[in-house]
């Protein structure tokens, strides 16, 4: 009979179990927190990308010498901005002018950049429940200089 009481005493002893419980609790709390930080960081990178792409494409557009190359140069500037934040080929820039031709002095040029930021580690089968991407956009309006720019 002493063997049974020794076995019961050893099974009832909980020394060291707090460490195990703490580790499991820490893992359960830390994994969602790390995922949240990853998602927020990726969306912030998308925000930086569209902001920089809109700003730089509009600046390059009004600094162009002629309207024929302005659009191409603006798209190239936006592509660099998107690539800088890891969204190469994923972003889009649309340029609109308040007058024709676009580089008319003292007229506005609007550049709108958009990108769809994919959330990390979201499997495709949960598409109906969880969005797989977050759309981010930015708009920049600049005025063509009176004595500079294209024309």
C-alpha atoms as a PDB file:
ATOM      1  CA  UNK A   1       0.000   0.000   0.000  1.00  0.00           C
ATOM      2  CA  UNK A   2       2.799   2.506   0.540  1.00  0.00           C
ATOM      3  CA  UNK A   3       3.478   2.403  -3.183  1.00  0.00           C
ATOM      4  CA  UNK A   4      -0.013   3.672  -3.994  1.00  0.00           C
ATOM      5  CA  UNK A   5       0.252   6.593  -1.601  1.00  0.00           C
ATOM      6  CA  UNK A   6       3.660   7.557  -3.079  1.00  0.00           C
ATOM      7  CA  UNK A   7       2.180   7.529  -6.560  1.00  0.00           C
ATOM      8  CA  UNK A   8      -0.790   9.656  -5.467  1.00  0.00           C
ATOM      9  CA  UNK A   9       1.483  12.119  -3.738  1.00  0.00           C
ATOM     10  CA  UNK A  10       3.657  12.474  -6.847  1.00  0.00           C
ATOM     11  CA  UNK A  11       0.617  12.986  -9.057  1.00  0.00           C
ATOM     12  CA  UNK A  12      -0.848  15.571  -6.666  1.00  0.00           C
ATOM     13  CA  UNK A  13       2.441  17.502  -6.543  1.00  0.00           C
ATOM     14  CA  UNK A  14       2.157  20.566  -8.806  1.00  0.00           C
ATOM     15  CA  UNK A  15       5.650  21.986  -8.421  1.00  0.00           C
ATOM     16  CA  UNK A  16       6.898  23.386 -11.728  1.00  0.00           C
ATOM     17  CA  UNK A  17       3.487  23.515 -13.358  1.00  0.00           C
ATOM     18  CA  UNK A  18       3.249  27.318 -13.096  1.00  0.00           C
ATOM     19  CA  UNK A  19       6.110  27.639 -15.559  1.00  0.00           C
ATOM     20  CA  UNK A  20       4.320  25.433 -18.060  1.00  0.00           C
ATOM     21  CA  UNK A  21       1.084  27.365 -17.622  1.00  0.00           C
ATOM     22  CA  UNK A  22       2.881  30.690 -17.989  1.00  0.00           C
ATOM     23  CA  UNK A  23       4.644  29.582 -21.180  1.00  0.00           C
ATOM     24  CA  UNK A  24       1.368  28.438 -22.739  1.00  0.00           C
ATOM     25  CA  UNK A  25      -0.386  31.636 -21.721  1.00  0.00           C
ATOM     26  CA  UNK A  26       2.455  33.731 -23.107  1.00  0.00           C
ATOM     27  CA  UNK A  27       2.338  31.880 -26.428  1.00  0.00           C
ATOM     28  CA  UNK A  28      -1.434  32.225 -26.663  1.00  0.00           C
ATOM     29  CA  UNK A  29      -1.195  35.977 -26.028  1.00  0.00           C
ATOM     30  CA  UNK A  30       1.955  36.660 -28.038  1.00  0.00           C
ATOM     31  CA  UNK A  31       1.020  34.992 -31.337  1.00  0.00           C
ATOM     32  CA  UNK A  32      -2.059  37.195 -32.017  1.00  0.00           C
ATOM     33  CA  UNK A  33      -0.142  40.268 -30.901  1.00  0.00           C
ATOM     34  CA  UNK A  34       2.725  39.543 -33.304  1.00  0.00           C
ATOM     35  CA  UNK A  35       0.231  38.934 -36.126  1.00  0.00           C
ATOM     36  CA  UNK A  36      -1.497  42.233 -35.368  1.00  0.00           C
ATOM     37  CA  UNK A  37       1.826  44.071 -35.485  1.00  0.00           C
ATOM     38  CA  UNK A  38       2.659  42.404 -38.830  1.00  0.00           C
ATOM     39  CA  UNK A  39      -0.697  43.440 -40.317  1.00  0.00           C
ATOM     40  CA  UNK A  40      -0.468  47.016 -39.074  1.00  0.00           C
ATOM     41  CA  UNK A  41       3.116  47.330 -40.328  1.00  0.00           C
ATOM     42  CA  UNK A  42       2.140  46.071 -43.781  1.00  0.00           C
ATOM     43  CA  UNK A  43      -0.813  48.470 -44.057  1.00  0.00           C
ATOM     44  CA  UNK A  44       1.434  51.326 -42.892  1.00  0.00           C
ATOM     45  CA  UNK A  45       3.961  50.415 -45.590  1.00  0.00           C
ATOM     46  CA  UNK A  46       1.123  50.594 -48.125  1.00  0.00           C
ATOM     47  CA  UNK A  47       0.154  54.000 -46.782  1.00  0.00           C
ATOM     48  CA  UNK A  48       3.718  55.251 -47.155  1.00  0.00           C
ATOM     49  CA  UNK A  49       3.880  53.803 -50.676  1.00  0.00           C
ATOM     50  CA  UNK A  50       0.735  55.513 -51.974  1.00  0.00           C
ATOM     51  CA  UNK A  51       1.600  58.795 -50.294  1.00  0.00           C
ATOM     52  CA  UNK A  52       5.071  58.846 -51.808  1.00  0.00           C
ATOM     53  CA  UNK A  53       3.839  57.655 -55.213  1.00  0.00           C
ATOM     54  CA  UNK A  54       1.146  60.334 -55.442  1.00  0.00           C
ATOM     55  CA  UNK A  55       3.498  63.097 -54.334  1.00  0.00           C
ATOM     56  CA  UNK A  56       6.435  62.139 -56.546  1.00  0.00           C
ATOM     57  CA  UNK A  57       4.365  61.376 -59.637  1.00  0.00           C
ATOM     58  CA  UNK A  58       2.660  64.767 -59.490  1.00  0.00           C
ATOM     59  CA  UNK A  59       5.977  66.564 -58.953  1.00  0.00           C
ATOM     60  CA  UNK A  60       7.593  64.772 -61.865  1.00  0.00           C
ATOM     61  CA  UNK A  61       4.538  65.392 -64.031  1.00  0.00           C
ATOM     62  CA  UNK A  62       4.582  69.188 -63.628  1.00  0.00           C
ATOM     63  CA  UNK A  63       8.385  69.314 -63.943  1.00  0.00           C
ATOM     64  CA  UNK A  64       8.250  67.653 -67.379  1.00  0.00           C
ATOM     65  CA  UNK A  65       9.060  69.693 -70.445  1.00  0.00           C
ATOM     66  CA  UNK A  66       6.204  68.388 -72.545  1.00  0.00           C
ATOM     67  CA  UNK A  67       2.897  66.623 -72.057  1.00  0.00           C
ATOM     68  CA  UNK A  68       3.908  63.645 -74.186  1.00  0.00           C
ATOM     69  CA  UNK A  69       6.543  62.379 -71.766  1.00  0.00           C
ATOM     70  CA  UNK A  70       5.004  63.693 -68.532  1.00  0.00           C
ATOM     71  CA  UNK A  71       2.714  60.697 -68.029  1.00  0.00           C
ATOM     72  CA  UNK A  72       5.469  58.163 -68.663  1.00  0.00           C
ATOM     73  CA  UNK A  73       7.841  59.925 -66.301  1.00  0.00           C
ATOM     74  CA  UNK A  74       5.140  60.176 -63.611  1.00  0.00           C
ATOM     75  CA  UNK A  75       4.385  56.450 -63.884  1.00  0.00           C
ATOM     76  CA  UNK A  76       8.114  55.665 -63.571  1.00  0.00           C
ATOM     77  CA  UNK A  77       8.377  57.829 -60.429  1.00  0.00           C
ATOM     78  CA  UNK A  78       5.348  56.093 -58.916  1.00  0.00           C
ATOM     79  CA  UNK A  79       6.790  52.666 -59.744  1.00  0.00           C
ATOM     80  CA  UNK A  80       9.955  53.550 -57.824  1.00  0.00           C
ATOM     81  CA  UNK A  81       7.888  54.673 -54.838  1.00  0.00           C
ATOM     82  CA  UNK A  82       5.848  51.457 -54.832  1.00  0.00           C
ATOM     83  CA  UNK A  83       8.963  49.316 -55.217  1.00  0.00           C
ATOM     84  CA  UNK A  84      10.612  51.162 -52.323  1.00  0.00           C
ATOM     85  CA  UNK A  85       7.936  49.862 -49.920  1.00  0.00           C
ATOM     86  CA  UNK A  86       7.699  46.359 -51.391  1.00  0.00           C
ATOM     87  CA  UNK A  87       4.668  46.835 -53.650  1.00  0.00           C
ATOM     88  CA  UNK A  88       6.391  46.636 -57.029  1.00  0.00           C
ATOM     89  CA  UNK A  89       3.840  46.110 -59.781  1.00  0.00           C
ATOM     90  CA  UNK A  90       0.902  46.198 -57.349  1.00  0.00           C
ATOM     91  CA  UNK A  91       0.162  49.923 -57.271  1.00  0.00           C
ATOM     92  CA  UNK A  92      -1.597  52.187 -59.733  1.00  0.00           C
ATOM     93  CA  UNK A  93      -1.415  55.929 -60.356  1.00  0.00           C
ATOM     94  CA  UNK A  94      -4.023  57.977 -62.215  1.00  0.00           C
ATOM     95  CA  UNK A  95      -3.321  61.546 -63.258  1.00  0.00           C
ATOM     96  CA  UNK A  96      -6.084  64.046 -63.985  1.00  0.00           C
ATOM     97  CA  UNK A  97      -5.725  67.607 -65.206  1.00  0.00           C
ATOM     98  CA  UNK A  98      -8.037  70.554 -64.683  1.00  0.00           C
ATOM     99  CA  UNK A  99      -7.267  71.956 -68.153  1.00  0.00           C
ATOM    100  CA  UNK A 100      -6.148  70.842 -71.594  1.00  0.00           C
ATOM    101  CA  UNK A 101      -3.275  70.703 -72.312  1.00  0.00           C
ATOM    102  CA  UNK A 102      -2.319  69.292 -68.941  1.00  0.00           C
ATOM    103  CA  UNK A 103       0.694  71.499 -68.362  1.00  0.00           C
ATOM    104  CA  UNK A 104      -1.193  74.785 -68.716  1.00  0.00           C
ATOM    105  CA  UNK A 105       0.316  77.293 -66.242  1.00  0.00           C
ATOM    106  CA  UNK A 106      -1.601  77.842 -63.002  1.00  0.00           C
ATOM    107  CA  UNK A 107      -3.853  74.832 -63.548  1.00  0.00           C
ATOM    108  CA  UNK A 108      -4.162  71.860 -61.213  1.00  0.00           C
ATOM    109  CA  UNK A 109      -2.810  68.365 -61.740  1.00  0.00           C
ATOM    110  CA  UNK A 110      -4.244  65.644 -59.496  1.00  0.00           C
ATOM    111  CA  UNK A 111      -2.389  62.407 -58.908  1.00  0.00           C
ATOM    112  CA  UNK A 112      -4.233  59.533 -57.196  1.00  0.00           C
ATOM    113  CA  UNK A 113      -2.256  56.456 -56.134  1.00  0.00           C
ATOM    114  CA  UNK A 114      -3.890  53.218 -55.007  1.00  0.00           C
ATOM    115  CA  UNK A 115      -2.612  49.848 -53.847  1.00  0.00           C
ATOM    116  CA  UNK A 116      -4.278  46.793 -52.392  1.00  0.00           C
ATOM    117  CA  UNK A 117      -2.259  45.597 -49.375  1.00  0.00           C
ATOM    118  CA  UNK A 118      -2.481  41.818 -48.919  1.00  0.00           C
ATOM    119  CA  UNK A 119      -2.714  40.676 -45.312  1.00  0.00           C
ATOM    120  CA  UNK A 120       0.034  38.219 -44.369  1.00  0.00           C
ATOM    121  CA  UNK A 121      -0.722  34.536 -43.785  1.00  0.00           C
ATOM    122  CA  UNK A 122      -4.453  34.700 -44.593  1.00  0.00           C
ATOM    123  CA  UNK A 123      -5.388  31.531 -46.490  1.00  0.00           C
ATOM    124  CA  UNK A 124      -7.649  31.779 -49.522  1.00  0.00           C
ATOM    125  CA  UNK A 125     -10.417  29.577 -48.131  1.00  0.00           C
ATOM    126  CA  UNK A 126     -11.445  32.214 -45.567  1.00  0.00           C
ATOM    127  CA  UNK A 127     -12.107  34.810 -48.275  1.00  0.00           C
ATOM    128  CA  UNK A 128     -15.798  35.096 -47.369  1.00  0.00           C
ATOM    129  CA  UNK A 129     -15.126  35.813 -43.683  1.00  0.00           C
ATOM    130  CA  UNK A 130     -11.846  37.733 -43.547  1.00  0.00           C
ATOM    131  CA  UNK A 131     -10.743  40.306 -46.134  1.00  0.00           C
ATOM    132  CA  UNK A 132      -7.561  39.217 -47.849  1.00  0.00           C
ATOM    133  CA  UNK A 133      -6.413  42.745 -48.630  1.00  0.00           C
ATOM    134  CA  UNK A 134      -6.872  46.323 -47.512  1.00  0.00           C
ATOM    135  CA  UNK A 135      -7.237  49.033 -50.187  1.00  0.00           C
ATOM    136  CA  UNK A 136      -5.118  52.127 -49.510  1.00  0.00           C
ATOM    137  CA  UNK A 137      -5.121  55.329 -51.557  1.00  0.00           C
ATOM    138  CA  UNK A 138      -3.668  58.834 -51.511  1.00  0.00           C
ATOM    139  CA  UNK A 139      -4.239  61.950 -53.590  1.00  0.00           C
ATOM    140  CA  UNK A 140      -1.916  64.857 -54.337  1.00  0.00           C
ATOM    141  CA  UNK A 141      -2.964  68.086 -56.057  1.00  0.00           C
ATOM    142  CA  UNK A 142      -0.285  70.402 -57.438  1.00  0.00           C
ATOM    143  CA  UNK A 143      -0.448  73.587 -59.442  1.00  0.00           C
ATOM    144  CA  UNK A 144       1.574  73.946 -62.631  1.00  0.00           C
ATOM    145  CA  UNK A 145       3.973  76.865 -62.082  1.00  0.00           C
ATOM    146  CA  UNK A 146       3.310  80.065 -64.017  1.00  0.00           C
ATOM    147  CA  UNK A 147       6.837  80.443 -65.377  1.00  0.00           C
ATOM    148  CA  UNK A 148       8.211  76.926 -65.065  1.00  0.00           C
ATOM    149  CA  UNK A 149       7.165  73.431 -65.872  1.00  0.00           C
ATOM    150  CA  UNK A 150       6.154  72.196 -69.274  1.00  0.00           C
ATOM    151  CA  UNK A 151       4.029  73.621 -71.856  1.00  0.00           C
END
